[in-house]
Amino acid sequence: MQSYTTVRGEGVFEYEDRRSVFIGTAVPVSTESDAIRFIEFIKKKYPDARHHVYAYVLRENSIMRFSDDREPQGTAGMPVLDAIRKRGCTDTAVVVIRYFGGTLLGTGGLVRAYSAAAVGALERAEIITYDIYRELTVTVSYSDYQRILPLIEEKSLRILDTLYADNVIIKGRIQRDSTEEFVKGIGEITSARGEISLGEEIFDF
């Protein structure tokens, strides 16, 4: 497992230039089949659009695909793909449709328009980074609990639940790369009185 950046949900952004309207939609996808289904969905949603330009990037086999859909080569699909790649996104698909406004925009105008629609859609979809977290349970005395609070904040432990019984039991998640230092820190602060039970590794953001 490796950390990766994608979009959280669907994002839609509209851009207009000289009466040509560009509508970008970005979504997270997991497979090439997902990406293709999304492209077909957008084509059916906007059947009267002149162009349905798309690009997608997948972790699966490091796939990258794009289409200019009859726009001049290099003016549409590649700018959309570049928008995805420059933001470090993967498992992400973007479709930008165009309603022609009657005025030719030229090569530079098309690149700017498709880029703007793609970037806007990605930002509306919320770009997030999934990282690997380790689930854990920390059991400490009440006095030690107060002492470990600064460490919890420093290592950004995500507390899921805190139980106050004979001892304080904290259930949470911590980034995998911080786990070793956190465990060591708990041992040092509590003079090995604190107990830590490590759970499974999961993706979270």
N, C-alpha and C. Protein backbone atom coordinates (compact mmCIF):
# COMPACT_ATOMS: atom_id res chain seq x y z
N MET A 1 0.84 -1.19 0.00
CA MET A 1 0.00 0.00 0.00
C MET A 1 0.87 1.25 0.00
N GLN A 2 0.48 2.23 -0.78
CA GLN A 2 1.16 3.50 -0.83
C GLN A 2 0.15 4.63 -0.78
N SER A 3 0.56 5.76 -0.22
CA SER A 3 -0.33 6.91 -0.18
C SER A 3 -0.58 7.41 -1.60
N TYR A 4 -1.73 8.04 -1.81
CA TYR A 4 -2.04 8.59 -3.13
C TYR A 4 -3.03 9.73 -2.99
N THR A 5 -3.05 10.57 -4.03
CA THR A 5 -3.93 11.75 -4.05
C THR A 5 -5.02 11.55 -5.09
N THR A 6 -6.24 11.90 -4.73
CA THR A 6 -7.37 11.77 -5.63
C THR A 6 -8.39 12.86 -5.30
N VAL A 7 -9.61 12.72 -5.79
CA VAL A 7 -10.66 13.66 -5.42
C VAL A 7 -11.66 12.94 -4.54
N ARG A 8 -12.30 13.72 -3.68
CA ARG A 8 -13.18 13.13 -2.68
C ARG A 8 -14.56 12.78 -3.24
N GLY A 9 -15.07 13.62 -4.12
CA GLY A 9 -16.41 13.40 -4.66
C GLY A 9 -16.54 14.01 -6.03
N GLU A 10 -17.77 14.30 -6.44
CA GLU A 10 -17.99 14.90 -7.76
C GLU A 10 -17.84 16.41 -7.67
N GLY A 11 -17.17 16.98 -8.68
CA GLY A 11 -17.05 18.43 -8.77
C GLY A 11 -17.43 18.90 -10.15
N VAL A 12 -18.23 19.96 -10.24
CA VAL A 12 -18.66 20.50 -11.52
C VAL A 12 -18.30 21.98 -11.58
N PHE A 13 -17.74 22.39 -12.72
CA PHE A 13 -17.32 23.78 -12.88
C PHE A 13 -17.61 24.24 -14.31
N GLU A 14 -18.17 25.44 -14.43
CA GLU A 14 -18.52 25.98 -15.76
C GLU A 14 -17.64 27.18 -16.10
N TYR A 15 -17.15 27.19 -17.32
CA TYR A 15 -16.28 28.26 -17.81
C TYR A 15 -16.82 28.72 -19.16
N GLU A 16 -16.85 30.04 -19.38
CA GLU A 16 -17.37 30.57 -20.63
C GLU A 16 -16.37 31.51 -21.28
N ASP A 17 -16.20 31.39 -22.57
CA ASP A 17 -15.32 32.26 -23.34
C ASP A 17 -15.95 32.52 -24.70
N ARG A 18 -16.30 33.79 -24.95
CA ARG A 18 -16.88 34.19 -26.23
C ARG A 18 -18.08 33.30 -26.62
N ARG A 19 -18.93 33.11 -25.63
CA ARG A 19 -20.20 32.37 -25.77
C ARG A 19 -20.04 30.85 -25.91
N SER A 20 -18.82 30.36 -25.98
CA SER A 20 -18.62 28.91 -25.86
C SER A 20 -18.63 28.55 -24.38
N VAL A 21 -19.42 27.56 -24.04
CA VAL A 21 -19.56 27.15 -22.64
C VAL A 21 -18.86 25.80 -22.44
N PHE A 22 -17.98 25.74 -21.45
CA PHE A 22 -17.25 24.52 -21.11
C PHE A 22 -17.68 24.09 -19.71
N ILE A 23 -18.15 22.87 -19.59
CA ILE A 23 -18.58 22.34 -18.29
C ILE A 23 -17.70 21.15 -17.95
N GLY A 24 -16.92 21.30 -16.89
CA GLY A 24 -16.04 20.22 -16.44
C GLY A 24 -16.63 19.46 -15.27
N THR A 25 -16.48 18.15 -15.29
CA THR A 25 -16.94 17.31 -14.18
C THR A 25 -15.81 16.36 -13.80
N ALA A 26 -15.47 16.33 -12.53
CA ALA A 26 -14.41 15.45 -12.02
C ALA A 26 -14.98 14.50 -10.99
N VAL A 27 -14.54 13.24 -11.03
CA VAL A 27 -15.00 12.24 -10.06
C VAL A 27 -13.86 11.28 -9.73
N PRO A 28 -13.92 10.62 -8.57
CA PRO A 28 -12.97 9.55 -8.27
C PRO A 28 -13.39 8.27 -8.98
N VAL A 29 -12.44 7.52 -9.49
CA VAL A 29 -12.70 6.22 -10.12
C VAL A 29 -11.64 5.24 -9.64
N SER A 30 -11.98 3.96 -9.68
CA SER A 30 -11.05 2.94 -9.21
C SER A 30 -10.49 2.08 -10.33
N THR A 31 -11.26 1.96 -11.41
CA THR A 31 -10.84 1.09 -12.52
C THR A 31 -11.11 1.80 -13.84
N GLU A 32 -10.56 1.23 -14.92
CA GLU A 32 -10.81 1.79 -16.24
C GLU A 32 -12.29 1.64 -16.61
N SER A 33 -12.91 0.57 -16.18
CA SER A 33 -14.34 0.39 -16.43
C SER A 33 -15.15 1.51 -15.77
N ASP A 34 -14.76 1.89 -14.55
CA ASP A 34 -15.43 3.01 -13.87
C ASP A 34 -15.30 4.29 -14.69
N ALA A 35 -14.09 4.55 -15.19
CA ALA A 35 -13.84 5.76 -15.96
C ALA A 35 -14.67 5.79 -17.24
N ILE A 36 -14.73 4.66 -17.92
CA ILE A 36 -15.50 4.58 -19.18
C ILE A 36 -16.98 4.78 -18.91
N ARG A 37 -17.48 4.18 -17.84
CA ARG A 37 -18.90 4.36 -17.49
C ARG A 37 -19.21 5.83 -17.20
N PHE A 38 -18.29 6.49 -16.52
CA PHE A 38 -18.48 7.90 -16.20
C PHE A 38 -18.51 8.75 -17.48
N ILE A 39 -17.60 8.47 -18.40
CA ILE A 39 -17.57 9.20 -19.67
C ILE A 39 -18.88 9.02 -20.43
N GLU A 40 -19.37 7.79 -20.48
CA GLU A 40 -20.63 7.51 -21.17
C GLU A 40 -21.80 8.21 -20.48
N PHE A 41 -21.75 8.26 -19.17
CA PHE A 41 -22.81 8.95 -18.41
C PHE A 41 -22.86 10.43 -18.78
N ILE A 42 -21.67 11.08 -18.85
CA ILE A 42 -21.63 12.50 -19.20
C ILE A 42 -22.11 12.72 -20.63
N LYS A 43 -21.75 11.83 -21.55
CA LYS A 43 -22.23 11.96 -22.93
C LYS A 43 -23.75 11.90 -23.00
N LYS A 44 -24.35 11.05 -22.18
CA LYS A 44 -25.82 10.95 -22.17
C LYS A 44 -26.45 12.15 -21.45
N LYS A 45 -25.72 12.69 -20.49
CA LYS A 45 -26.23 13.85 -19.74
C LYS A 45 -26.22 15.11 -20.61
N TYR A 46 -25.21 15.22 -21.48
CA TYR A 46 -25.09 16.39 -22.37
C TYR A 46 -25.04 15.90 -23.82
N PRO A 47 -26.11 15.32 -24.32
CA PRO A 47 -26.07 14.73 -25.67
C PRO A 47 -25.93 15.76 -26.78
N ASP A 48 -26.31 17.00 -26.50
CA ASP A 48 -26.29 18.04 -27.54
C ASP A 48 -24.99 18.85 -27.53
N ALA A 49 -24.05 18.51 -26.64
CA ALA A 49 -22.76 19.22 -26.62
C ALA A 49 -21.96 18.83 -27.87
N ARG A 50 -21.18 19.77 -28.38
CA ARG A 50 -20.41 19.49 -29.59
C ARG A 50 -19.22 18.59 -29.30
N HIS A 51 -18.61 18.75 -28.14
CA HIS A 51 -17.41 17.96 -27.80
C HIS A 51 -17.55 17.40 -26.39
N HIS A 52 -17.08 16.18 -26.22
CA HIS A 52 -17.00 15.53 -24.90
C HIS A 52 -15.54 15.12 -24.71
N VAL A 53 -14.75 16.02 -24.18
CA VAL A 53 -13.31 15.80 -24.00
C VAL A 53 -13.09 15.15 -22.64
N TYR A 54 -12.17 14.20 -22.57
CA TYR A 54 -11.95 13.55 -21.28
C TYR A 54 -10.48 13.19 -21.07
N ALA A 55 -10.18 12.93 -19.81
CA ALA A 55 -8.88 12.37 -19.42
C ALA A 55 -9.06 11.65 -18.10
N TYR A 56 -8.30 10.59 -17.90
CA TYR A 56 -8.31 9.92 -16.60
C TYR A 56 -6.95 9.30 -16.31
N VAL A 57 -6.66 9.22 -15.02
CA VAL A 57 -5.40 8.65 -14.53
C VAL A 57 -5.75 7.63 -13.47
N LEU A 58 -5.15 6.44 -13.57
CA LEU A 58 -5.45 5.35 -12.65
C LEU A 58 -4.18 4.77 -12.04
N ARG A 59 -4.30 4.34 -10.79
CA ARG A 59 -3.19 3.57 -10.19
C ARG A 59 -3.08 2.21 -10.87
N GLU A 60 -4.20 1.66 -11.27
CA GLU A 60 -4.25 0.36 -11.92
C GLU A 60 -3.40 0.38 -13.20
N ASN A 61 -2.29 -0.35 -13.15
CA ASN A 61 -1.38 -0.45 -14.30
C ASN A 61 -0.86 0.90 -14.79
N SER A 62 -0.90 1.92 -13.91
CA SER A 62 -0.40 3.27 -14.24
C SER A 62 -1.03 3.79 -15.53
N ILE A 63 -2.33 3.58 -15.68
CA ILE A 63 -3.04 3.95 -16.90
C ILE A 63 -3.29 5.46 -16.95
N MET A 64 -3.04 6.06 -18.13
CA MET A 64 -3.39 7.44 -18.42
C MET A 64 -3.99 7.50 -19.81
N ARG A 65 -5.19 8.05 -19.94
CA ARG A 65 -5.83 8.15 -21.24
C ARG A 65 -6.48 9.52 -21.39
N PHE A 66 -6.59 9.97 -22.64
CA PHE A 66 -7.29 11.22 -22.90
C PHE A 66 -7.82 11.23 -24.32
N SER A 67 -8.77 12.12 -24.59
CA SER A 67 -9.35 12.26 -25.92
C SER A 67 -9.65 13.73 -26.20
N ASP A 68 -9.28 14.19 -27.40
CA ASP A 68 -9.61 15.55 -27.83
C ASP A 68 -11.03 15.64 -28.38
N ASP A 69 -11.62 14.50 -28.71
CA ASP A 69 -12.97 14.43 -29.27
C ASP A 69 -13.20 15.48 -30.36
N ARG A 70 -12.38 15.42 -31.39
CA ARG A 70 -12.51 16.23 -32.59
C ARG A 70 -12.07 17.69 -32.44
N GLU A 71 -11.59 18.06 -31.26
CA GLU A 71 -10.93 19.36 -31.14
C GLU A 71 -9.54 19.23 -31.76
N PRO A 72 -8.90 20.35 -32.15
CA PRO A 72 -7.54 20.26 -32.70
C PRO A 72 -6.59 19.54 -31.74
N GLN A 73 -5.75 18.69 -32.29
CA GLN A 73 -4.86 17.86 -31.49
C GLN A 73 -4.04 18.69 -30.50
N GLY A 74 -4.06 18.25 -29.25
CA GLY A 74 -3.26 18.90 -28.21
C GLY A 74 -3.92 20.07 -27.52
N THR A 75 -5.14 20.44 -27.96
CA THR A 75 -5.79 21.63 -27.39
C THR A 75 -6.82 21.30 -26.31
N ALA A 76 -7.16 20.03 -26.12
CA ALA A 76 -8.28 19.69 -25.25
C ALA A 76 -7.96 18.58 -24.25
N GLY A 77 -7.81 17.35 -24.78
CA GLY A 77 -7.56 16.22 -23.88
C GLY A 77 -6.28 16.35 -23.10
N MET A 78 -5.21 16.80 -23.73
CA MET A 78 -3.93 16.93 -23.04
C MET A 78 -3.97 17.99 -21.93
N PRO A 79 -4.57 19.17 -22.16
CA PRO A 79 -4.70 20.11 -21.05
C PRO A 79 -5.50 19.57 -19.87
N VAL A 80 -6.53 18.78 -20.17
CA VAL A 80 -7.31 18.17 -19.08
C VAL A 80 -6.44 17.16 -18.32
N LEU A 81 -5.70 16.34 -19.07
CA LEU A 81 -4.80 15.37 -18.43
C LEU A 81 -3.74 16.09 -17.60
N ASP A 82 -3.18 17.18 -18.14
CA ASP A 82 -2.17 17.94 -17.40
C ASP A 82 -2.73 18.50 -16.10
N ALA A 83 -3.99 18.93 -16.11
CA ALA A 83 -4.62 19.46 -14.90
C ALA A 83 -4.66 18.39 -13.80
N ILE A 84 -4.97 17.16 -14.20
CA ILE A 84 -5.01 16.05 -13.24
C ILE A 84 -3.60 15.75 -12.72
N ARG A 85 -2.65 15.64 -13.63
CA ARG A 85 -1.29 15.25 -13.26
C ARG A 85 -0.59 16.30 -12.42
N LYS A 86 -0.78 17.58 -12.76
CA LYS A 86 -0.09 18.65 -12.03
C LYS A 86 -0.57 18.75 -10.59
N ARG A 87 -1.74 18.25 -10.33
CA ARG A 87 -2.24 18.24 -8.95
C ARG A 87 -1.97 16.91 -8.27
N GLY A 88 -1.21 16.06 -8.92
CA GLY A 88 -0.79 14.80 -8.32
C GLY A 88 -1.89 13.79 -8.17
N CYS A 89 -2.99 13.97 -8.89
CA CYS A 89 -4.15 13.10 -8.69
C CYS A 89 -4.03 11.81 -9.49
N THR A 90 -4.56 10.76 -8.93
CA THR A 90 -4.72 9.49 -9.63
C THR A 90 -6.09 8.94 -9.23
N ASP A 91 -6.49 7.84 -9.87
CA ASP A 91 -7.84 7.32 -9.67
C ASP A 91 -8.86 8.45 -9.82
N THR A 92 -8.64 9.24 -10.88
CA THR A 92 -9.44 10.44 -11.11
C THR A 92 -9.79 10.55 -12.60
N ALA A 93 -11.03 10.89 -12.88
CA ALA A 93 -11.47 11.11 -14.25
C ALA A 93 -12.11 12.49 -14.37
N VAL A 94 -11.86 13.15 -15.49
CA VAL A 94 -12.44 14.47 -15.75
C VAL A 94 -12.99 14.48 -17.18
N VAL A 95 -14.22 14.92 -17.33
CA VAL A 95 -14.81 15.14 -18.64
C VAL A 95 -15.17 16.62 -18.74
N VAL A 96 -14.77 17.25 -19.85
CA VAL A 96 -15.15 18.64 -20.11
C VAL A 96 -15.94 18.66 -21.41
N ILE A 97 -17.19 19.11 -21.33
CA ILE A 97 -18.02 19.20 -22.53
C ILE A 97 -18.03 20.65 -23.00
N ARG A 98 -18.25 20.82 -24.31
CA ARG A 98 -18.26 22.17 -24.87
C ARG A 98 -19.50 22.39 -25.71
N TYR A 99 -20.17 23.51 -25.42
CA TYR A 99 -21.21 24.02 -26.29
C TYR A 99 -20.61 25.16 -27.10
N PHE A 100 -20.53 24.99 -28.41
CA PHE A 100 -19.87 25.96 -29.27
C PHE A 100 -20.67 27.25 -29.36
N GLY A 101 -19.98 28.38 -29.19
CA GLY A 101 -20.67 29.67 -29.17
C GLY A 101 -20.63 30.41 -30.48
N GLY A 102 -20.05 29.81 -31.52
CA GLY A 102 -20.04 30.45 -32.82
C GLY A 102 -18.77 31.18 -33.17
N THR A 103 -17.86 31.32 -32.21
CA THR A 103 -16.60 32.00 -32.44
C THR A 103 -15.44 31.05 -32.19
N LEU A 104 -14.52 30.95 -33.14
CA LEU A 104 -13.34 30.11 -32.95
C LEU A 104 -12.43 30.75 -31.89
N LEU A 105 -11.94 29.93 -30.99
CA LEU A 105 -11.12 30.44 -29.89
C LEU A 105 -9.63 30.36 -30.17
N GLY A 106 -9.25 29.62 -31.19
CA GLY A 106 -7.83 29.47 -31.46
C GLY A 106 -7.19 28.47 -30.52
N THR A 107 -5.98 28.07 -30.86
CA THR A 107 -5.28 27.05 -30.06
C THR A 107 -5.12 27.48 -28.61
N GLY A 108 -4.61 28.68 -28.39
CA GLY A 108 -4.39 29.15 -27.01
C GLY A 108 -5.68 29.27 -26.23
N GLY A 109 -6.73 29.76 -26.90
CA GLY A 109 -8.01 29.91 -26.21
C GLY A 109 -8.60 28.58 -25.79
N LEU A 110 -8.47 27.57 -26.66
CA LEU A 110 -8.98 26.24 -26.31
C LEU A 110 -8.22 25.64 -25.14
N VAL A 111 -6.90 25.75 -25.18
CA VAL A 111 -6.08 25.21 -24.08
C VAL A 111 -6.48 25.87 -22.76
N ARG A 112 -6.60 27.19 -22.77
CA ARG A 112 -6.98 27.90 -21.54
C ARG A 112 -8.36 27.48 -21.06
N ALA A 113 -9.30 27.34 -21.97
CA ALA A 113 -10.68 27.01 -21.59
C ALA A 113 -10.78 25.60 -21.01
N TYR A 114 -10.19 24.64 -21.71
CA TYR A 114 -10.26 23.26 -21.21
C TYR A 114 -9.48 23.10 -19.90
N SER A 115 -8.38 23.79 -19.78
CA SER A 115 -7.61 23.75 -18.53
C SER A 115 -8.42 24.34 -17.39
N ALA A 116 -9.03 25.50 -17.63
CA ALA A 116 -9.80 26.17 -16.58
C ALA A 116 -10.98 25.32 -16.11
N ALA A 117 -11.68 24.71 -17.06
CA ALA A 117 -12.83 23.87 -16.69
C ALA A 117 -12.39 22.65 -15.90
N ALA A 118 -11.26 22.05 -16.31
CA ALA A 118 -10.75 20.86 -15.61
C ALA A 118 -10.28 21.20 -14.21
N VAL A 119 -9.48 22.27 -14.10
CA VAL A 119 -8.96 22.69 -12.78
C VAL A 119 -10.12 23.04 -11.85
N GLY A 120 -11.09 23.79 -12.35
CA GLY A 120 -12.23 24.15 -11.52
C GLY A 120 -13.00 22.94 -11.02
N ALA A 121 -13.19 21.96 -11.91
CA ALA A 121 -13.90 20.74 -11.52
C ALA A 121 -13.13 19.97 -10.45
N LEU A 122 -11.81 19.87 -10.61
CA LEU A 122 -10.99 19.16 -9.63
C LEU A 122 -11.06 19.84 -8.26
N GLU A 123 -11.00 21.15 -8.26
CA GLU A 123 -11.06 21.87 -6.98
C GLU A 123 -12.42 21.74 -6.33
N ARG A 124 -13.47 21.77 -7.14
CA ARG A 124 -14.82 21.58 -6.59
C ARG A 124 -15.00 20.16 -6.03
N ALA A 125 -14.31 19.19 -6.63
CA ALA A 125 -14.42 17.81 -6.17
C ALA A 125 -13.64 17.56 -4.89
N GLU A 126 -12.79 18.49 -4.50
CA GLU A 126 -11.95 18.45 -3.30
C GLU A 126 -10.81 17.43 -3.42
N ILE A 127 -9.64 17.94 -3.66
CA ILE A 127 -8.45 17.09 -3.79
C ILE A 127 -7.98 16.67 -2.40
N ILE A 128 -7.83 15.37 -2.21
CA ILE A 128 -7.42 14.83 -0.91
C ILE A 128 -6.31 13.81 -1.10
N THR A 129 -5.56 13.56 -0.05
CA THR A 129 -4.49 12.56 -0.08
C THR A 129 -4.82 11.45 0.90
N TYR A 130 -4.95 10.24 0.38
CA TYR A 130 -5.12 9.07 1.24
C TYR A 130 -3.75 8.61 1.70
N ASP A 131 -3.61 8.43 2.99
CA ASP A 131 -2.36 7.94 3.55
C ASP A 131 -2.63 6.66 4.33
N ILE A 132 -1.56 5.98 4.70
CA ILE A 132 -1.71 4.73 5.44
C ILE A 132 -1.67 5.03 6.94
N TYR A 133 -2.71 4.64 7.62
CA TYR A 133 -2.82 4.85 9.06
C TYR A 133 -2.81 3.51 9.78
N ARG A 134 -2.31 3.54 11.01
CA ARG A 134 -2.32 2.34 11.86
C ARG A 134 -3.32 2.56 12.98
N GLU A 135 -4.22 1.63 13.13
CA GLU A 135 -5.15 1.69 14.25
C GLU A 135 -4.44 1.22 15.51
N LEU A 136 -4.75 1.85 16.62
CA LEU A 136 -4.11 1.45 17.88
C LEU A 136 -4.99 1.79 19.07
N THR A 137 -4.68 1.16 20.17
CA THR A 137 -5.36 1.42 21.44
C THR A 137 -4.30 1.70 22.50
N VAL A 138 -4.44 2.81 23.20
CA VAL A 138 -3.49 3.21 24.25
C VAL A 138 -4.22 3.14 25.59
N THR A 139 -3.63 2.45 26.56
CA THR A 139 -4.19 2.36 27.90
C THR A 139 -3.19 2.95 28.89
N VAL A 140 -3.62 4.01 29.60
CA VAL A 140 -2.72 4.68 30.55
C VAL A 140 -3.50 5.06 31.81
N SER A 141 -2.77 5.36 32.86
CA SER A 141 -3.40 5.85 34.08
C SER A 141 -3.87 7.29 33.85
N TYR A 142 -4.68 7.80 34.77
CA TYR A 142 -5.19 9.16 34.63
C TYR A 142 -4.06 10.18 34.70
N SER A 143 -3.08 9.95 35.56
CA SER A 143 -1.97 10.89 35.67
C SER A 143 -1.10 10.85 34.41
N ASP A 144 -0.87 9.65 33.87
CA ASP A 144 -0.09 9.55 32.63
C ASP A 144 -0.85 10.12 31.44
N TYR A 145 -2.17 10.05 31.49
CA TYR A 145 -2.98 10.57 30.40
C TYR A 145 -2.68 12.05 30.17
N GLN A 146 -2.61 12.81 31.25
CA GLN A 146 -2.29 14.24 31.13
C GLN A 146 -0.90 14.44 30.54
N ARG A 147 0.02 13.56 30.84
CA ARG A 147 1.39 13.71 30.36
C ARG A 147 1.54 13.40 28.87
N ILE A 148 0.69 12.50 28.36
CA ILE A 148 0.84 12.10 26.95
C ILE A 148 0.06 12.99 25.99
N LEU A 149 -0.76 13.89 26.49
CA LEU A 149 -1.56 14.75 25.61
C LEU A 149 -0.71 15.55 24.62
N PRO A 150 0.43 16.14 25.07
CA PRO A 150 1.26 16.86 24.09
C PRO A 150 1.78 15.95 22.97
N LEU A 151 2.11 14.70 23.30
CA LEU A 151 2.59 13.76 22.28
C LEU A 151 1.46 13.42 21.30
N ILE A 152 0.26 13.25 21.82
CA ILE A 152 -0.89 12.96 20.97
C ILE A 152 -1.09 14.09 19.95
N GLU A 153 -0.95 15.33 20.42
CA GLU A 153 -1.10 16.48 19.52
C GLU A 153 0.06 16.56 18.53
N GLU A 154 1.27 16.34 19.02
CA GLU A 154 2.46 16.44 18.17
C GLU A 154 2.43 15.43 17.03
N LYS A 155 2.01 14.20 17.32
CA LYS A 155 2.00 13.14 16.32
C LYS A 155 0.66 13.02 15.59
N SER A 156 -0.23 13.97 15.86
CA SER A 156 -1.53 14.04 15.16
C SER A 156 -2.31 12.74 15.24
N LEU A 157 -2.37 12.16 16.44
CA LEU A 157 -3.19 10.97 16.63
C LEU A 157 -4.66 11.34 16.45
N ARG A 158 -5.35 10.61 15.59
CA ARG A 158 -6.78 10.83 15.38
C ARG A 158 -7.55 10.00 16.40
N ILE A 159 -8.11 10.66 17.37
CA ILE A 159 -8.82 9.94 18.44
C ILE A 159 -10.22 9.59 17.97
N LEU A 160 -10.53 8.31 17.99
CA LEU A 160 -11.85 7.82 17.60
C LEU A 160 -12.78 7.66 18.79
N ASP A 161 -12.18 7.32 19.94
CA ASP A 161 -12.99 7.11 21.14
C ASP A 161 -12.08 7.16 22.37
N THR A 162 -12.60 7.67 23.46
CA THR A 162 -11.86 7.68 24.73
C THR A 162 -12.77 7.13 25.82
N LEU A 163 -12.32 6.07 26.49
CA LEU A 163 -13.09 5.44 27.56
C LEU A 163 -12.43 5.75 28.90
N TYR A 164 -13.24 6.21 29.86
CA TYR A 164 -12.72 6.53 31.19
C TYR A 164 -13.23 5.47 32.16
N ALA A 165 -12.37 4.56 32.50
CA ALA A 165 -12.72 3.47 33.42
C ALA A 165 -11.69 3.46 34.54
N ASP A 166 -11.15 2.28 34.89
CA ASP A 166 -10.08 2.24 35.88
C ASP A 166 -8.85 2.97 35.35
N ASN A 167 -8.67 2.88 34.04
CA ASN A 167 -7.63 3.64 33.34
C ASN A 167 -8.30 4.40 32.20
N VAL A 168 -7.50 5.19 31.50
CA VAL A 168 -8.00 5.88 30.31
C VAL A 168 -7.60 5.05 29.09
N ILE A 169 -8.60 4.71 28.28
CA ILE A 169 -8.36 3.90 27.09
C ILE A 169 -8.67 4.75 25.86
N ILE A 170 -7.66 4.96 25.03
CA ILE A 170 -7.80 5.80 23.84
C ILE A 170 -7.72 4.92 22.60
N LYS A 171 -8.71 5.01 21.75
CA LYS A 171 -8.70 4.30 20.47
C LYS A 171 -8.53 5.33 19.36
N GLY A 172 -7.57 5.09 18.47
CA GLY A 172 -7.32 6.07 17.44
C GLY A 172 -6.56 5.53 16.25
N ARG A 173 -6.17 6.47 15.38
CA ARG A 173 -5.41 6.15 14.18
C ARG A 173 -4.26 7.14 14.07
N ILE A 174 -3.12 6.63 13.60
CA ILE A 174 -1.94 7.47 13.44
C ILE A 174 -1.28 7.11 12.11
N GLN A 175 -0.69 8.10 11.45
CA GLN A 175 0.00 7.80 10.21
C GLN A 175 1.07 6.74 10.45
N ARG A 176 1.16 5.80 9.52
CA ARG A 176 2.08 4.68 9.69
C ARG A 176 3.50 5.13 9.98
N ASP A 177 3.95 6.17 9.29
CA ASP A 177 5.33 6.64 9.46
C ASP A 177 5.59 7.21 10.84
N SER A 178 4.53 7.55 11.58
CA SER A 178 4.70 8.13 12.92
C SER A 178 4.51 7.10 14.03
N THR A 179 4.13 5.87 13.66
CA THR A 179 3.77 4.87 14.66
C THR A 179 4.93 4.54 15.59
N GLU A 180 6.09 4.27 15.03
CA GLU A 180 7.23 3.85 15.85
C GLU A 180 7.61 4.92 16.87
N GLU A 181 7.68 6.17 16.43
CA GLU A 181 8.04 7.25 17.35
C GLU A 181 6.97 7.45 18.42
N PHE A 182 5.71 7.27 18.04
CA PHE A 182 4.64 7.43 19.00
C PHE A 182 4.71 6.36 20.08
N VAL A 183 4.90 5.12 19.67
CA VAL A 183 5.01 4.01 20.63
C VAL A 183 6.19 4.24 21.56
N LYS A 184 7.32 4.65 20.99
CA LYS A 184 8.50 4.93 21.80
C LYS A 184 8.24 6.07 22.77
N GLY A 185 7.56 7.12 22.29
CA GLY A 185 7.26 8.26 23.15
C GLY A 185 6.36 7.91 24.31
N ILE A 186 5.34 7.09 24.06
CA ILE A 186 4.45 6.65 25.14
C ILE A 186 5.24 5.89 26.20
N GLY A 187 6.13 5.02 25.76
CA GLY A 187 6.95 4.25 26.70
C GLY A 187 7.82 5.15 27.56
N GLU A 188 8.43 6.15 26.93
CA GLU A 188 9.32 7.04 27.68
C GLU A 188 8.54 7.92 28.66
N ILE A 189 7.44 8.48 28.22
CA ILE A 189 6.67 9.40 29.06
C ILE A 189 6.07 8.68 30.27
N THR A 190 5.60 7.45 30.05
CA THR A 190 4.93 6.71 31.14
C THR A 190 5.87 5.75 31.86
N SER A 191 7.17 5.81 31.53
CA SER A 191 8.14 4.86 32.13
C SER A 191 7.67 3.42 31.93
N ALA A 192 7.19 3.14 30.73
CA ALA A 192 6.75 1.81 30.30
C ALA A 192 5.47 1.34 31.00
N ARG A 193 4.79 2.24 31.68
CA ARG A 193 3.52 1.85 32.32
C ARG A 193 2.38 1.81 31.29
N GLY A 194 2.46 2.63 30.28
CA GLY A 194 1.40 2.67 29.29
C GLY A 194 1.41 1.43 28.40
N GLU A 195 0.23 1.00 27.99
CA GLU A 195 0.10 -0.17 27.13
C GLU A 195 -0.44 0.26 25.76
N ILE A 196 0.16 -0.28 24.70
CA ILE A 196 -0.29 0.02 23.35
C ILE A 196 -0.56 -1.28 22.60
N SER A 197 -1.74 -1.34 22.03
CA SER A 197 -2.11 -2.48 21.19
C SER A 197 -2.27 -1.97 19.77
N LEU A 198 -1.47 -2.53 18.85
CA LEU A 198 -1.51 -2.08 17.46
C LEU A 198 -2.52 -2.90 16.66
N GLY A 199 -3.29 -2.21 15.85
CA GLY A 199 -4.28 -2.87 15.01
C GLY A 199 -3.87 -2.90 13.55
N GLU A 200 -4.84 -2.95 12.66
CA GLU A 200 -4.56 -3.09 11.24
C GLU A 200 -4.20 -1.75 10.59
N GLU A 201 -3.64 -1.85 9.40
CA GLU A 201 -3.33 -0.66 8.61
C GLU A 201 -4.48 -0.40 7.64
N ILE A 202 -4.86 0.87 7.51
CA ILE A 202 -5.97 1.22 6.63
C ILE A 202 -5.63 2.52 5.89
N PHE A 203 -6.36 2.78 4.80
CA PHE A 203 -6.25 4.05 4.10
C PHE A 203 -7.24 5.04 4.72
N ASP A 204 -6.77 6.27 4.90
CA ASP A 204 -7.65 7.33 5.40
C ASP A 204 -7.08 8.66 4.90
N PHE A 205 -7.83 9.72 5.08
CA PHE A 205 -7.36 11.03 4.64
C PHE A 205 -7.66 12.07 5.70
